PDB file of N, CA and C in Angstrom:
ATOM      1  N   MET A   1      11.903 -26.083-141.910  1.00  0.00           N
ATOM      2  CA  MET A   1      12.667 -26.765-142.933  1.00  0.00           C
ATOM      3  C   MET A   1      14.142 -26.830-142.556  1.00  0.00           C
ATOM      4  N   PHE A   2      14.640 -25.702-142.000  1.00  0.00           N
ATOM      5  CA  PHE A   2      16.040 -25.657-141.604  1.00  0.00           C
ATOM      6  C   PHE A   2      16.336 -26.688-140.513  1.00  0.00           C
ATOM      7  N   ARG A   3      15.422 -26.835-139.575  1.00  0.00           N
ATOM      8  CA  ARG A   3      15.612 -27.806-138.495  1.00  0.00           C
ATOM      9  C   ARG A   3      15.683 -29.231-139.041  1.00  0.00           C
ATOM     10  N   LEU A   4      14.850 -29.539-140.023  1.00  0.00           N
ATOM     11  CA  LEU A   4      14.859 -30.864-140.633  1.00  0.00           C
ATOM     12  C   LEU A   4      16.211 -31.152-141.281  1.00  0.00           C
ATOM     13  N   LEU A   5      16.722 -30.191-142.041  1.00  0.00           N
ATOM     14  CA  LEU A   5      18.033 -30.364-142.662  1.00  0.00           C
ATOM     15  C   LEU A   5      19.143 -30.483-141.611  1.00  0.00           C
ATOM     16  N   LEU A   6      19.050 -29.725-140.567  1.00  0.00           N
ATOM     17  CA  LEU A   6      20.038 -29.782-139.495  1.00  0.00           C
ATOM     18  C   LEU A   6      20.039 -31.164-138.838  1.00  0.00           C
ATOM     19  N   TRP A   7      18.861 -31.683-138.516  1.00  0.00           N
ATOM     20  CA  TRP A   7      18.770 -33.007-137.908  1.00  0.00           C
ATOM     21  C   TRP A   7      19.235 -34.111-138.864  1.00  0.00           C
ATOM     22  N   ALA A   8      18.895 -33.971-140.135  1.00  0.00           N
ATOM     23  CA  ALA A   8      19.344 -34.958-141.114  1.00  0.00           C
ATOM     24  C   ALA A   8      20.865 -34.946-141.223  1.00  0.00           C
ATOM     25  N   GLY A   9      21.458 -33.766-141.265  1.00  0.00           N
ATOM     26  CA  GLY A   9      22.918 -33.655-141.333  1.00  0.00           C
ATOM     27  C   GLY A   9      23.582 -34.207-140.093  1.00  0.00           C
ATOM     28  N   LEU A  10      23.029 -33.926-138.941  1.00  0.00           N
ATOM     29  CA  LEU A  10      23.569 -34.431-137.689  1.00  0.00           C
ATOM     30  C   LEU A  10      23.458 -35.964-137.628  1.00  0.00           C
ATOM     31  N   GLY A  11      22.340 -36.484-138.067  1.00  0.00           N
ATOM     32  CA  GLY A  11      22.157 -37.938-138.102  1.00  0.00           C
ATOM     33  C   GLY A  11      23.154 -38.610-139.033  1.00  0.00           C
ATOM     34  N   TYR A  12      23.363 -38.023-140.193  1.00  0.00           N
ATOM     35  CA  TYR A  12      24.330 -38.581-141.147  1.00  0.00           C
ATOM     36  C   TYR A  12      25.736 -38.528-140.563  1.00  0.00           C
ATOM     37  N   PHE A  13      26.096 -37.437-139.917  1.00  0.00           N
ATOM     38  CA  PHE A  13      27.418 -37.289-139.304  1.00  0.00           C
ATOM     39  C   PHE A  13      27.642 -38.362-138.237  1.00  0.00           C
ATOM     40  N   ILE A  14      26.655 -38.582-137.392  1.00  0.00           N
ATOM     41  CA  ILE A  14      26.766 -39.607-136.344  1.00  0.00           C
ATOM     42  C   ILE A  14      26.867 -40.998-136.970  1.00  0.00           C
ATOM     43  N   TYR A  15      26.077 -41.241-137.989  1.00  0.00           N
ATOM     44  CA  TYR A  15      26.128 -42.525-138.689  1.00  0.00           C
ATOM     45  C   TYR A  15      27.530 -42.782-139.236  1.00  0.00           C
ATOM     46  N   ARG A  16      28.113 -41.785-139.903  1.00  0.00           N
ATOM     47  CA  ARG A  16      29.445 -41.940-140.482  1.00  0.00           C
ATOM     48  C   ARG A  16      30.521 -42.131-139.413  1.00  0.00           C
ATOM     49  N   MET A  17      30.342 -41.534-138.255  1.00  0.00           N
ATOM     50  CA  MET A  17      31.327 -41.677-137.178  1.00  0.00           C
ATOM     51  C   MET A  17      31.355 -43.095-136.637  1.00  0.00           C
ATOM     52  N   PHE A  18      30.191 -43.728-136.529  1.00  0.00           N
ATOM     53  CA  PHE A  18      30.123 -45.041-135.911  1.00  0.00           C
ATOM     54  C   PHE A  18      30.035 -46.204-136.890  1.00  0.00           C
ATOM     55  N   SER A  19      29.962 -45.934-138.183  1.00  0.00           N
ATOM     56  CA  SER A  19      29.914 -47.024-139.152  1.00  0.00           C
ATOM     57  C   SER A  19      31.322 -47.587-139.336  1.00  0.00           C
ATOM     58  N   PRO A  20      31.437 -48.898-139.592  1.00  0.00           N
ATOM     59  CA  PRO A  20      32.765 -49.491-139.762  1.00  0.00           C
ATOM     60  C   PRO A  20      33.462 -48.930-141.005  1.00  0.00           C
ATOM     61  N   ARG A  21      34.716 -48.697-140.869  1.00  0.00           N
ATOM     62  CA  ARG A  21      35.504 -48.158-141.977  1.00  0.00           C
ATOM     63  C   ARG A  21      36.119 -49.312-142.762  1.00  0.00           C
ATOM     64  N   ARG A  22      36.261 -49.119-144.066  1.00  0.00           N
ATOM     65  CA  ARG A  22      36.916 -50.115-144.920  1.00  0.00           C
ATOM     66  C   ARG A  22      38.407 -49.801-144.987  1.00  0.00           C
ATOM     67  N   PRO A  23      39.240 -50.821-145.112  1.00  0.00           N
ATOM     68  CA  PRO A  23      40.671 -50.572-145.251  1.00  0.00           C
ATOM     69  C   PRO A  23      40.976 -49.786-146.526  1.00  0.00           C
ATOM     70  N   ALA A  24      42.069 -49.046-146.516  1.00  0.00           N
ATOM     71  CA  ALA A  24      42.452 -48.247-147.690  1.00  0.00           C
ATOM     72  C   ALA A  24      42.689 -49.165-148.878  1.00  0.00           C
ATOM     73  N   GLY A  25      42.241 -48.737-150.049  1.00  0.00           N
ATOM     74  CA  GLY A  25      42.422 -49.515-151.270  1.00  0.00           C
ATOM     75  C   GLY A  25      41.389 -50.602-151.461  1.00  0.00           C
ATOM     76  N   HIS A  26      40.463 -50.732-150.534  1.00  0.00           N
ATOM     77  CA  HIS A  26      39.432 -51.757-150.648  1.00  0.00           C
ATOM     78  C   HIS A  26      38.361 -51.285-151.604  1.00  0.00           C
ATOM     79  N   SER A  27      37.925 -52.161-152.475  1.00  0.00           N
ATOM     80  CA  SER A  27      36.905 -51.815-153.457  1.00  0.00           C
ATOM     81  C   SER A  27      35.584 -51.520-152.772  1.00  0.00           C
ATOM     82  N   GLN A  28      34.836 -50.565-153.300  1.00  0.00           N
ATOM     83  CA  GLN A  28      33.537 -50.221-152.725  1.00  0.00           C
ATOM     84  C   GLN A  28      32.504 -51.305-152.995  1.00  0.00           C
ATOM     85  N   SER A  29      32.656 -52.035-154.113  1.00  0.00           N
ATOM     86  CA  SER A  29      31.675 -53.069-154.426  1.00  0.00           C
ATOM     87  C   SER A  29      32.007 -54.350-153.666  1.00  0.00           C
ATOM     88  N   ARG A  30      31.016 -55.156-153.438  1.00  0.00           N
ATOM     89  CA  ARG A  30      31.230 -56.408-152.724  1.00  0.00           C
ATOM     90  C   ARG A  30      31.757 -57.501-153.641  1.00  0.00           C
ATOM     91  N   VAL A  31      31.517 -57.390-154.941  1.00  0.00           N
ATOM     92  CA  VAL A  31      32.001 -58.370-155.893  1.00  0.00           C
ATOM     93  C   VAL A  31      33.217 -57.794-156.589  1.00  0.00           C
ATOM     94  N   GLN A  32      34.336 -58.492-156.488  1.00  0.00           N
ATOM     95  CA  GLN A  32      35.554 -58.012-157.113  1.00  0.00           C
ATOM     96  C   GLN A  32      35.567 -58.426-158.569  1.00  0.00           C
ATOM     97  N   PRO A  33      36.176 -57.602-159.439  1.00  0.00           N
ATOM     98  CA  PRO A  33      36.259 -57.968-160.853  1.00  0.00           C
ATOM     99  C   PRO A  33      36.955 -59.302-161.026  1.00  0.00           C
ATOM    100  N   GLY A  34      36.385 -60.136-161.881  1.00  0.00           N
ATOM    101  CA  GLY A  34      36.977 -61.444-162.128  1.00  0.00           C
ATOM    102  C   GLY A  34      36.579 -62.493-161.111  1.00  0.00           C
ATOM    103  N   ARG A  35      35.778 -62.119-160.167  1.00  0.00           N
ATOM    104  CA  ARG A  35      35.330 -63.044-159.126  1.00  0.00           C
ATOM    105  C   ARG A  35      33.822 -63.205-159.242  1.00  0.00           C
ATOM    106  N   GLY A  36      33.324 -64.325-158.763  1.00  0.00           N
ATOM    107  CA  GLY A  36      31.887 -64.542-158.783  1.00  0.00           C
ATOM    108  C   GLY A  36      31.210 -63.814-157.653  1.00  0.00           C
ATOM    109  N   GLY A  37      29.926 -63.912-157.606  1.00  0.00           N
ATOM    110  CA  GLY A  37      29.163 -63.271-156.548  1.00  0.00           C
ATOM    111  C   GLY A  37      29.184 -64.107-155.278  1.00  0.00           C
ATOM    112  N   PRO A  38      28.316 -63.813-154.360  1.00  0.00           N
ATOM    113  CA  PRO A  38      28.258 -64.561-153.111  1.00  0.00           C
ATOM    114  C   PRO A  38      28.001 -66.042-153.376  1.00  0.00           C
ATOM    115  N   GLY A  39      28.736 -66.908-152.706  1.00  0.00           N
ATOM    116  CA  GLY A  39      28.564 -68.347-152.884  1.00  0.00           C
ATOM    117  C   GLY A  39      29.359 -68.916-154.038  1.00  0.00           C
ATOM    118  N   SER A  40      30.105 -68.076-154.739  1.00  0.00           N
ATOM    119  CA  SER A  40      30.889 -68.542-155.874  1.00  0.00           C
ATOM    120  C   SER A  40      32.168 -69.201-155.389  1.00  0.00           C
ATOM    121  N   THR A  41      32.644 -70.175-156.130  1.00  0.00           N
ATOM    122  CA  THR A  41      33.890 -70.848-155.779  1.00  0.00           C
ATOM    123  C   THR A  41      35.091 -70.093-156.313  1.00  0.00           C
ATOM    124  N   GLY A  42      34.880 -69.088-157.156  1.00  0.00           N
ATOM    125  CA  GLY A  42      35.986 -68.337-157.725  1.00  0.00           C
ATOM    126  C   GLY A  42      36.522 -68.968-158.996  1.00  0.00           C
ATOM    127  N   VAL A  43      36.023 -70.149-159.341  1.00  0.00           N
ATOM    128  CA  VAL A  43      36.465 -70.834-160.547  1.00  0.00           C
ATOM    129  C   VAL A  43      35.471 -70.528-161.651  1.00  0.00           C
ATOM    130  N   GLY A  44      35.953 -70.053-162.785  1.00  0.00           N
ATOM    131  CA  GLY A  44      35.073 -69.700-163.890  1.00  0.00           C
ATOM    132  C   GLY A  44      34.628 -70.926-164.666  1.00  0.00           C
ATOM    133  N   GLU A  45      33.607 -70.735-165.456  1.00  0.00           N
ATOM    134  CA  GLU A  45      33.092 -71.808-166.299  1.00  0.00           C
ATOM    135  C   GLU A  45      33.488 -71.522-167.735  1.00  0.00           C
ATOM    136  N   LYS A  46      33.730 -72.563-168.497  1.00  0.00           N
ATOM    137  CA  LYS A  46      34.127 -72.413-169.888  1.00  0.00           C
ATOM    138  C   LYS A  46      32.978 -71.793-170.682  1.00  0.00           C
ATOM    139  N   MET A  47      33.318 -70.761-171.470  1.00  0.00           N
ATOM    140  CA  MET A  47      32.339 -70.092-172.322  1.00  0.00           C
ATOM    141  C   MET A  47      32.503 -70.619-173.741  1.00  0.00           C
ATOM    142  N   VAL A  48      31.381 -70.832-174.415  1.00  0.00           N
ATOM    143  CA  VAL A  48      31.411 -71.294-175.801  1.00  0.00           C
ATOM    144  C   VAL A  48      30.664 -70.291-176.678  1.00  0.00           C
ATOM    145  N   LYS A  49      31.056 -70.216-177.936  1.00  0.00           N
ATOM    146  CA  LYS A  49      30.481 -69.255-178.878  1.00  0.00           C
ATOM    147  C   LYS A  49      29.370 -69.907-179.687  1.00  0.00           C
ATOM    148  N   CYS A  50      28.251 -69.216-179.803  1.00  0.00           N
ATOM    149  CA  CYS A  50      27.129 -69.697-180.605  1.00  0.00           C
ATOM    150  C   CYS A  50      27.555 -69.722-182.066  1.00  0.00           C
ATOM    151  N   SER A  51      27.284 -70.831-182.750  1.00  0.00           N
ATOM    152  CA  SER A  51      27.676 -70.982-184.152  1.00  0.00           C
ATOM    153  C   SER A  51      26.878 -70.087-185.098  1.00  0.00           C
ATOM    154  N   VAL A  52      25.739 -69.563-184.653  1.00  0.00           N
ATOM    155  CA  VAL A  52      24.900 -68.738-185.518  1.00  0.00           C
ATOM    156  C   VAL A  52      25.120 -67.252-185.264  1.00  0.00           C
ATOM    157  N   CYS A  53      24.909 -66.809-184.034  1.00  0.00           N
ATOM    158  CA  CYS A  53      24.942 -65.369-183.753  1.00  0.00           C
ATOM    159  C   CYS A  53      26.243 -64.887-183.112  1.00  0.00           C
ATOM    160  N   GLY A  54      27.082 -65.805-182.631  1.00  0.00           N
ATOM    161  CA  GLY A  54      28.359 -65.420-182.054  1.00  0.00           C
ATOM    162  C   GLY A  54      28.322 -65.038-180.584  1.00  0.00           C
ATOM    163  N   LEU A  55      27.190 -65.194-179.920  1.00  0.00           N
ATOM    164  CA  LEU A  55      27.062 -64.872-178.502  1.00  0.00           C
ATOM    165  C   LEU A  55      27.789 -65.917-177.666  1.00  0.00           C
ATOM    166  N   TYR A  56      28.520 -65.495-176.648  1.00  0.00           N
ATOM    167  CA  TYR A  56      29.190 -66.419-175.743  1.00  0.00           C
ATOM    168  C   TYR A  56      28.259 -66.753-174.584  1.00  0.00           C
ATOM    169  N   VAL A  57      28.126 -68.032-174.300  1.00  0.00           N
ATOM    170  CA  VAL A  57      27.293 -68.502-173.197  1.00  0.00           C
ATOM    171  C   VAL A  57      28.067 -69.558-172.418  1.00  0.00           C
ATOM    172  N   PRO A  58      27.743 -69.762-171.127  1.00  0.00           N
ATOM    173  CA  PRO A  58      28.394 -70.831-170.368  1.00  0.00           C
ATOM    174  C   PRO A  58      28.097 -72.182-171.018  1.00  0.00           C
ATOM    175  N   GLU A  59      29.086 -73.048-171.019  1.00  0.00           N
ATOM    176  CA  GLU A  59      28.926 -74.353-171.673  1.00  0.00           C
ATOM    177  C   GLU A  59      27.760 -75.139-171.081  1.00  0.00           C
ATOM    178  N   SER A  60      27.503 -74.985-169.784  1.00  0.00           N
ATOM    179  CA  SER A  60      26.415 -75.719-169.143  1.00  0.00           C
ATOM    180  C   SER A  60      25.036 -75.246-169.620  1.00  0.00           C
ATOM    181  N   GLU A  61      24.936 -74.018-170.154  1.00  0.00           N
ATOM    182  CA  GLU A  61      23.658 -73.486-170.614  1.00  0.00           C
ATOM    183  C   GLU A  61      23.501 -73.558-172.130  1.00  0.00           C
ATOM    184  N   ALA A  62      24.548 -73.951-172.832  1.00  0.00           N
ATOM    185  CA  ALA A  62      24.514 -73.954-174.296  1.00  0.00           C
ATOM    186  C   ALA A  62      23.797 -75.189-174.830  1.00  0.00           C
ATOM    187  N   GLU A  63      23.146 -75.007-175.962  1.00  0.00           N
ATOM    188  CA  GLU A  63      22.565 -76.120-176.715  1.00  0.00           C
ATOM    189  C   GLU A  63      23.685 -76.663-177.603  1.00  0.00           C
ATOM    190  N   SER A  64      23.773 -77.978-177.757  1.00  0.00           N
ATOM    191  CA  SER A  64      24.822 -78.517-178.627  1.00  0.00           C
ATOM    192  C   SER A  64      24.241 -79.543-179.579  1.00  0.00           C
ATOM    193  N   ALA A  65      24.803 -79.571-180.782  1.00  0.00           N
ATOM    194  CA  ALA A  65      24.402 -80.540-181.803  1.00  0.00           C
ATOM    195  C   ALA A  65      25.540 -80.679-182.804  1.00  0.00           C
ATOM    196  N   ASN A  66      25.937 -81.906-183.080  1.00  0.00           N
ATOM    197  CA  ASN A  66      26.986 -82.204-184.052  1.00  0.00           C
ATOM    198  C   ASN A  66      28.279 -81.441-183.759  1.00  0.00           C
ATOM    199  N   GLY A  67      28.631 -81.327-182.503  1.00  0.00           N
ATOM    200  CA  GLY A  67      29.877 -80.671-182.126  1.00  0.00           C
ATOM    201  C   GLY A  67      29.832 -79.156-182.175  1.00  0.00           C
ATOM    202  N   ARG A  68      28.676 -78.581-182.447  1.00  0.00           N
ATOM    203  CA  ARG A  68      28.526 -77.128-182.479  1.00  0.00           C
ATOM    204  C   ARG A  68      27.709 -76.691-181.270  1.00  0.00           C
ATOM    205  N   PHE A  69      27.959 -75.457-180.847  1.00  0.00           N
ATOM    206  CA  PHE A  69      27.228 -74.912-179.708  1.00  0.00           C
ATOM    207  C   PHE A  69      26.316 -73.786-180.168  1.00  0.00           C
ATOM    208  N   PHE A  70      25.160 -73.680-179.480  1.00  0.00           N
ATOM    209  CA  PHE A  70      24.172 -72.650-179.802  1.00  0.00           C
ATOM    210  C   PHE A  70      23.696 -72.012-178.501  1.00  0.00           C
ATOM    211  N   CYS A  71      23.340 -70.721-178.566  1.00  0.00           N
ATOM    212  CA  CYS A  71      22.900 -70.005-177.370  1.00  0.00           C
ATOM    213  C   CYS A  71      21.448 -70.303-177.027  1.00  0.00           C
ATOM    214  N   SER A  72      20.671 -70.757-178.003  1.00  0.00           N
ATOM    215  CA  SER A  72      19.246 -71.000-177.758  1.00  0.00           C
ATOM    216  C   SER A  72      18.711 -72.019-178.753  1.00  0.00           C
ATOM    217  N   PRO A  73      17.547 -72.585-178.455  1.00  0.00           N
ATOM    218  CA  PRO A  73      16.929 -73.507-179.423  1.00  0.00           C
ATOM    219  C   PRO A  73      16.611 -72.813-180.754  1.00  0.00           C
ATOM    220  N   GLU A  74      16.320 -71.502-180.702  1.00  0.00           N
ATOM    221  CA  GLU A  74      16.021 -70.767-181.933  1.00  0.00           C
ATOM    222  C   GLU A  74      17.231 -70.740-182.862  1.00  0.00           C
ATOM    223  N   CYS A  75      18.418 -70.497-182.304  1.00  0.00           N
ATOM    224  CA  CYS A  75      19.631 -70.488-183.130  1.00  0.00           C
ATOM    225  C   CYS A  75      19.922 -71.882-183.670  1.00  0.00           C
ATOM    226  N   ARG A  76      19.668 -72.911-182.857  1.00  0.00           N
ATOM    227  CA  ARG A  76      19.885 -74.284-183.337  1.00  0.00           C
ATOM    228  C   ARG A  76      18.964 -74.591-184.510  1.00  0.00           C
ATOM    229  N   LYS A  77      17.685 -74.169-184.415  1.00  0.00           N
ATOM    230  CA  LYS A  77      16.738 -74.390-185.517  1.00  0.00           C
ATOM    231  C   LYS A  77      17.149 -73.596-186.756  1.00  0.00           C
ATOM    232  N   GLN A  78      17.644 -72.375-186.551  1.00  0.00           N
ATOM    233  CA  GLN A  78      18.059 -71.545-187.667  1.00  0.00           C
ATOM    234  C   GLN A  78      19.232 -72.186-188.408  1.00  0.00           C
ATOM    235  N   ARG A  79      20.125 -72.830-187.685  1.00  0.00           N
ATOM    236  CA  ARG A  79      21.270 -73.491-188.314  1.00  0.00           C
ATOM    237  C   ARG A  79      20.789 -74.688-189.132  1.00  0.00           C
ATOM    238  N   ARG A  80      19.753 -75.389-188.663  1.00  0.00           N
ATOM    239  CA  ARG A  80      19.212 -76.536-189.408  1.00  0.00           C
ATOM    240  C   ARG A  80      18.637 -76.106-190.746  1.00  0.00           C
ATOM    241  N   ARG A  81      18.014 -74.921-190.792  1.00  0.00           N
ATOM    242  CA  ARG A  81      17.385 -74.427-192.028  1.00  0.00           C
ATOM    243  C   ARG A  81      18.395 -74.130-193.115  1.00  0.00           C
ATOM    244  N   LYS A  82      19.621 -73.779-192.735  1.00  0.00           N
ATOM    245  CA  LYS A  82      20.631 -73.404-193.730  1.00  0.00           C
ATOM    246  C   LYS A  82      21.172 -74.587-194.476  1.00  0.00           C
TER     247      LYS A  82
END
């Protein structure tokens, strides 16, 4: 068991020695706060608030009717009932 731990520790040490280092102050995550993920243009999309439940959704994914925005068809139907 001791030999296994010794080899694992030695392997990790060698890995850390030869792995590329990140510059100081560089974030550990690949996605920076306020930025999109891989393939993103960095430009955000307008968010709209659902008229029924108050959930914010991207305008391209929102349901709209009579100038109001909804997060789902269920919320749109619920607004019709009122």
